[in-house]
Amino acid sequence: MINHTSEKSTNSEPSAWMAARNNFCKKSLGIIPKLTQILNHTCQVTMIKELTEMSFD
């Protein structure tokens, strides 16, 4: 036998979850370019450090 009360609660939850997730995704997409810039910068810095250390050896 199926419990109808649990079905109703799950039916109302996805819409709220979807709205929260969509809002989070929009915010995340705004942050991603900044994170990408930081990561690219960090990678470049570490590469330069490794290259300079290699050239000094």
N, C-alpha and C. Protein backbone atom coordinates (compact mmCIF):
# COMPACT_ATOMS: atom_id res chain seq x y z
N MET A 1 0.84 -1.21 0.00
CA MET A 1 0.00 0.00 0.00
C MET A 1 0.87 1.26 0.00
N ILE A 2 0.47 2.25 -0.79
CA ILE A 2 1.26 3.48 -0.94
C ILE A 2 0.82 4.53 0.08
N ASN A 3 1.77 5.18 0.68
CA ASN A 3 1.47 6.25 1.63
C ASN A 3 1.29 7.56 0.86
N HIS A 4 0.08 8.10 0.85
CA HIS A 4 -0.22 9.27 0.03
C HIS A 4 0.37 10.56 0.60
N THR A 5 0.53 10.63 1.92
CA THR A 5 1.05 11.86 2.52
C THR A 5 2.50 12.10 2.09
N SER A 6 3.29 11.03 2.01
CA SER A 6 4.69 11.18 1.61
C SER A 6 4.77 11.58 0.13
N GLU A 7 3.82 11.09 -0.69
CA GLU A 7 3.81 11.46 -2.10
C GLU A 7 3.56 12.95 -2.27
N LYS A 8 2.61 13.48 -1.50
CA LYS A 8 2.29 14.90 -1.61
C LYS A 8 3.48 15.77 -1.22
N SER A 9 4.18 15.39 -0.16
CA SER A 9 5.32 16.20 0.28
C SER A 9 6.44 16.18 -0.76
N THR A 10 6.65 15.04 -1.42
CA THR A 10 7.71 14.97 -2.43
C THR A 10 7.30 15.75 -3.68
N ASN A 11 6.00 15.85 -3.95
CA ASN A 11 5.56 16.60 -5.12
C ASN A 11 5.78 18.10 -4.95
N SER A 12 5.66 18.62 -3.73
CA SER A 12 5.84 20.05 -3.51
C SER A 12 7.31 20.42 -3.37
N GLU A 13 8.14 19.46 -2.98
CA GLU A 13 9.56 19.75 -2.77
C GLU A 13 10.36 20.01 -4.04
N PRO A 14 10.20 19.23 -5.11
CA PRO A 14 11.05 19.44 -6.28
C PRO A 14 11.01 20.86 -6.84
N SER A 15 9.83 21.49 -6.86
CA SER A 15 9.74 22.85 -7.42
C SER A 15 10.58 23.82 -6.59
N ALA A 16 10.52 23.70 -5.27
CA ALA A 16 11.32 24.56 -4.40
C ALA A 16 12.80 24.23 -4.57
N TRP A 17 13.10 22.94 -4.68
CA TRP A 17 14.49 22.50 -4.88
C TRP A 17 15.02 23.01 -6.22
N MET A 18 14.18 22.91 -7.27
CA MET A 18 14.59 23.38 -8.60
C MET A 18 14.87 24.87 -8.58
N ALA A 19 14.02 25.64 -7.91
CA ALA A 19 14.21 27.08 -7.83
C ALA A 19 15.51 27.40 -7.11
N ALA A 20 15.75 26.72 -6.00
CA ALA A 20 16.98 26.94 -5.24
C ALA A 20 18.20 26.55 -6.06
N ARG A 21 18.08 25.42 -6.77
CA ARG A 21 19.20 24.94 -7.58
C ARG A 21 19.48 25.90 -8.74
N ASN A 22 18.42 26.37 -9.40
CA ASN A 22 18.60 27.30 -10.51
C ASN A 22 19.25 28.59 -10.03
N ASN A 23 18.82 29.08 -8.87
CA ASN A 23 19.39 30.29 -8.29
C ASN A 23 20.86 30.07 -7.97
N PHE A 24 21.18 28.93 -7.39
CA PHE A 24 22.56 28.58 -7.05
C PHE A 24 23.42 28.48 -8.31
N CYS A 25 22.86 27.87 -9.36
CA CYS A 25 23.60 27.72 -10.62
C CYS A 25 23.89 29.07 -11.24
N LYS A 26 22.94 29.98 -11.20
CA LYS A 26 23.16 31.32 -11.76
C LYS A 26 24.28 32.02 -11.01
N LYS A 27 24.27 31.93 -9.68
CA LYS A 27 25.32 32.54 -8.87
C LYS A 27 26.66 31.88 -9.16
N SER A 28 26.66 30.56 -9.27
CA SER A 28 27.90 29.82 -9.53
C SER A 28 28.49 30.20 -10.87
N LEU A 29 27.63 30.37 -11.88
CA LEU A 29 28.11 30.73 -13.21
C LEU A 29 28.78 32.10 -13.18
N GLY A 30 28.32 32.99 -12.30
CA GLY A 30 28.96 34.29 -12.15
C GLY A 30 30.32 34.17 -11.49
N ILE A 31 30.48 33.17 -10.62
CA ILE A 31 31.73 32.97 -9.88
C ILE A 31 32.75 32.23 -10.73
N ILE A 32 32.29 31.32 -11.58
CA ILE A 32 33.19 30.46 -12.36
C ILE A 32 34.24 31.25 -13.16
N PRO A 33 33.88 32.30 -13.91
CA PRO A 33 34.92 33.04 -14.64
C PRO A 33 36.00 33.59 -13.72
N LYS A 34 35.62 34.08 -12.54
CA LYS A 34 36.60 34.58 -11.58
C LYS A 34 37.51 33.45 -11.12
N LEU A 35 36.90 32.31 -10.79
CA LEU A 35 37.69 31.15 -10.36
C LEU A 35 38.63 30.69 -11.46
N THR A 36 38.14 30.71 -12.70
CA THR A 36 38.97 30.30 -13.84
C THR A 36 40.16 31.24 -13.97
N GLN A 37 39.91 32.54 -13.82
CA GLN A 37 41.00 33.52 -13.90
C GLN A 37 42.03 33.25 -12.81
N ILE A 38 41.55 33.03 -11.59
CA ILE A 38 42.45 32.77 -10.46
C ILE A 38 43.25 31.50 -10.71
N LEU A 39 42.57 30.44 -11.17
CA LEU A 39 43.26 29.17 -11.44
C LEU A 39 44.29 29.34 -12.55
N ASN A 40 43.93 30.04 -13.62
CA ASN A 40 44.87 30.26 -14.71
C ASN A 40 46.08 31.03 -14.21
N HIS A 41 45.84 32.07 -13.42
CA HIS A 41 46.93 32.88 -12.87
C HIS A 41 47.83 32.02 -11.99
N THR A 42 47.21 31.22 -11.12
CA THR A 42 47.97 30.35 -10.22
C THR A 42 48.81 29.36 -11.02
N CYS A 43 48.22 28.77 -12.05
CA CYS A 43 48.95 27.81 -12.89
C CYS A 43 50.13 28.49 -13.58
N GLN A 44 49.93 29.69 -14.08
CA GLN A 44 51.00 30.43 -14.75
C GLN A 44 52.12 30.74 -13.77
N VAL A 45 51.76 31.17 -12.57
CA VAL A 45 52.76 31.51 -11.56
C VAL A 45 53.58 30.27 -11.19
N THR A 46 52.91 29.15 -10.96
CA THR A 46 53.64 27.93 -10.59
C THR A 46 54.52 27.46 -11.73
N MET A 47 54.04 27.61 -12.96
CA MET A 47 54.85 27.22 -14.12
C MET A 47 56.10 28.08 -14.21
N ILE A 48 55.93 29.39 -14.02
CA ILE A 48 57.08 30.31 -14.07
C ILE A 48 58.07 29.97 -12.97
N LYS A 49 57.57 29.70 -11.77
CA LYS A 49 58.45 29.34 -10.65
C LYS A 49 59.24 28.08 -10.99
N GLU A 50 58.55 27.07 -11.53
CA GLU A 50 59.23 25.82 -11.88
C GLU A 50 60.28 26.06 -12.96
N LEU A 51 59.95 26.88 -13.94
CA LEU A 51 60.89 27.16 -15.03
C LEU A 51 62.11 27.91 -14.51
N THR A 52 61.89 28.90 -13.65
CA THR A 52 63.03 29.67 -13.12
C THR A 52 63.89 28.80 -12.22
N GLU A 53 63.27 27.94 -11.42
CA GLU A 53 64.04 27.04 -10.57
C GLU A 53 64.87 26.08 -11.41
N MET A 54 64.28 25.60 -12.51
CA MET A 54 65.00 24.69 -13.40
C MET A 54 66.18 25.40 -14.06
N SER A 55 65.97 26.64 -14.47
CA SER A 55 67.05 27.36 -15.16
C SER A 55 68.18 27.71 -14.19
N PHE A 56 67.85 27.89 -12.91
CA PHE A 56 68.90 28.19 -11.92
C PHE A 56 69.72 26.95 -11.58
N ASP A 57 69.10 25.76 -11.68
CA ASP A 57 69.83 24.51 -11.42
C ASP A 57 70.81 24.27 -12.56
